C-alpha atoms as a PDB file:
ATOM      1  CA  MET A   1      -3.825 -27.113  -3.232  1.00  0.00           C
ATOM      2  CA  VAL A   2      -2.708 -23.669  -2.011  1.00  0.00           C
ATOM      3  CA  LYS A   3      -5.755 -22.002  -3.535  1.00  0.00           C
ATOM      4  CA  ALA A   4      -8.084 -24.514  -1.889  1.00  0.00           C
ATOM      5  CA  ASN A   5      -6.528 -23.989   1.544  1.00  0.00           C
ATOM      6  CA  LEU A   6      -5.826 -20.257   1.503  1.00  0.00           C
ATOM      7  CA  ASN A   7      -8.267 -19.072  -1.153  1.00  0.00           C
ATOM      8  CA  ILE A   8      -5.508 -17.312  -3.128  1.00  0.00           C
ATOM      9  CA  ALA A   9      -3.436 -18.360  -6.122  1.00  0.00           C
ATOM     10  CA  PRO A  10       0.007 -19.856  -5.410  1.00  0.00           C
ATOM     11  CA  LYS A  11       1.741 -16.978  -7.222  1.00  0.00           C
ATOM     12  CA  GLU A  12      -0.006 -14.429  -4.995  1.00  0.00           C
ATOM     13  CA  TYR A  13       0.773 -16.472  -1.878  1.00  0.00           C
ATOM     14  CA  ILE A  14       4.484 -16.499  -2.756  1.00  0.00           C
ATOM     15  CA  SER A  15       4.410 -12.788  -3.570  1.00  0.00           C
ATOM     16  CA  ASN A  16       2.820 -12.070  -0.192  1.00  0.00           C
ATOM     17  CA  LEU A  17       5.516 -14.107   1.568  1.00  0.00           C
ATOM     18  CA  LYS A  18       8.233 -12.164  -0.260  1.00  0.00           C
ATOM     19  CA  LEU A  19       6.632  -8.839   0.639  1.00  0.00           C
ATOM     20  CA  GLN A  20       6.351  -9.842   4.305  1.00  0.00           C
ATOM     21  CA  LYS A  21      10.016 -10.911   4.251  1.00  0.00           C
ATOM     22  CA  SER A  22      10.951  -7.575   2.679  1.00  0.00           C
ATOM     23  CA  LYS A  23       9.446  -5.773   5.697  1.00  0.00           C
ATOM     24  CA  GLU A  24      11.640  -7.865   8.015  1.00  0.00           C
ATOM     25  CA  LEU A  25      14.735  -7.128   5.931  1.00  0.00           C
ATOM     26  CA  ILE A  26      13.965  -3.400   5.861  1.00  0.00           C
ATOM     27  CA  LYS A  27      13.642  -3.431   9.673  1.00  0.00           C
ATOM     28  CA  GLU A  28      17.095  -5.030   9.959  1.00  0.00           C
ATOM     29  CA  SER A  29      18.612  -2.026   8.129  1.00  0.00           C
ATOM     30  CA  LYS A  30      21.432  -4.185   6.718  1.00  0.00           C
ATOM     31  CA  TYR A  31      20.496  -3.893   3.049  1.00  0.00           C
ATOM     32  CA  THR A  32      19.375  -1.224   0.633  1.00  0.00           C
ATOM     33  CA  ILE A  33      15.878  -1.379  -0.823  1.00  0.00           C
ATOM     34  CA  SER A  34      17.465  -2.300  -4.147  1.00  0.00           C
ATOM     35  CA  GLU A  35      19.411  -5.187  -2.566  1.00  0.00           C
ATOM     36  CA  ILE A  36      16.262  -6.468  -0.855  1.00  0.00           C
ATOM     37  CA  ALA A  37      14.318  -6.386  -4.121  1.00  0.00           C
ATOM     38  CA  SER A  38      17.076  -8.354  -5.828  1.00  0.00           C
ATOM     39  CA  MET A  39      17.466 -10.855  -2.964  1.00  0.00           C
ATOM     40  CA  LEU A  40      13.760 -11.649  -3.048  1.00  0.00           C
ATOM     41  CA  GLY A  41      13.725 -12.128  -6.820  1.00  0.00           C
ATOM     42  CA  PHE A  42      11.820  -9.052  -7.959  1.00  0.00           C
ATOM     43  CA  SER A  43      12.595  -8.161 -11.556  1.00  0.00           C
ATOM     44  CA  SER A  44      13.313  -4.512 -10.724  1.00  0.00           C
ATOM     45  CA  ILE A  45      13.320  -2.052  -7.848  1.00  0.00           C
ATOM     46  CA  HIS A  46      10.395  -0.284  -9.513  1.00  0.00           C
ATOM     47  CA  TYR A  47       8.280  -3.431  -9.645  1.00  0.00           C
ATOM     48  CA  PHE A  48       9.153  -4.244  -6.035  1.00  0.00           C
ATOM     49  CA  SER A  49       8.248  -0.722  -4.897  1.00  0.00           C
ATOM     50  CA  ARG A  50       4.940  -0.835  -6.758  1.00  0.00           C
ATOM     51  CA  ARG A  51       3.984  -4.227  -5.264  1.00  0.00           C
ATOM     52  CA  PHE A  52       5.075  -3.129  -1.771  1.00  0.00           C
ATOM     53  CA  LYS A  53       2.916  -0.001  -1.996  1.00  0.00           C
ATOM     54  CA  GLN A  54      -0.060  -1.996  -3.299  1.00  0.00           C
ATOM     55  CA  LYS A  55       0.234  -4.402  -0.363  1.00  0.00           C
ATOM     56  CA  PHE A  56       1.053  -2.035   2.505  1.00  0.00           C
ATOM     57  CA  ASP A  57      -0.145   1.419   1.308  1.00  0.00           C
ATOM     58  CA  ILE A  58       3.331   2.853   1.829  1.00  0.00           C
ATOM     59  CA  ASN A  59       6.405   2.664  -0.363  1.00  0.00           C
ATOM     60  CA  PRO A  60       9.503   0.804   0.907  1.00  0.00           C
ATOM     61  CA  THR A  61      11.567   3.963   1.437  1.00  0.00           C
ATOM     62  CA  GLU A  62       8.817   5.646   3.450  1.00  0.00           C
ATOM     63  CA  TYR A  63       8.444   2.445   5.477  1.00  0.00           C
ATOM     64  CA  ALA A  64      12.187   2.348   6.175  1.00  0.00           C
ATOM     65  CA  ASN A  65      12.170   6.002   7.241  1.00  0.00           C
ATOM     66  CA  LYS A  66       9.198   5.355   9.523  1.00  0.00           C
ATOM     67  CA  ILE A  67      11.056   2.439  11.169  1.00  0.00           C
ATOM     68  CA  ILE A  68      14.174   4.548  11.723  1.00  0.00           C
ATOM     69  CA  LYS A  69      12.169   7.353  13.375  1.00  0.00           C
ATOM     70  CA  SER A  70      10.353   5.029  15.793  1.00  0.00           C
END
């Protein structure tokens, strides 16, 4: 049903939701990148970082630093 409505596989849809949520959590500056990866169910910080960079063309640490500077 998800694929029919959104034209993406359910697994990718859920992954995209998690990555969007990770951006919100990074902006809050309450948790480390490692804690965020764990909270959202990523198997490792490395996998999370790789997926984040694939999705947003910036790694989570660079994104956090960019948020802090703005």
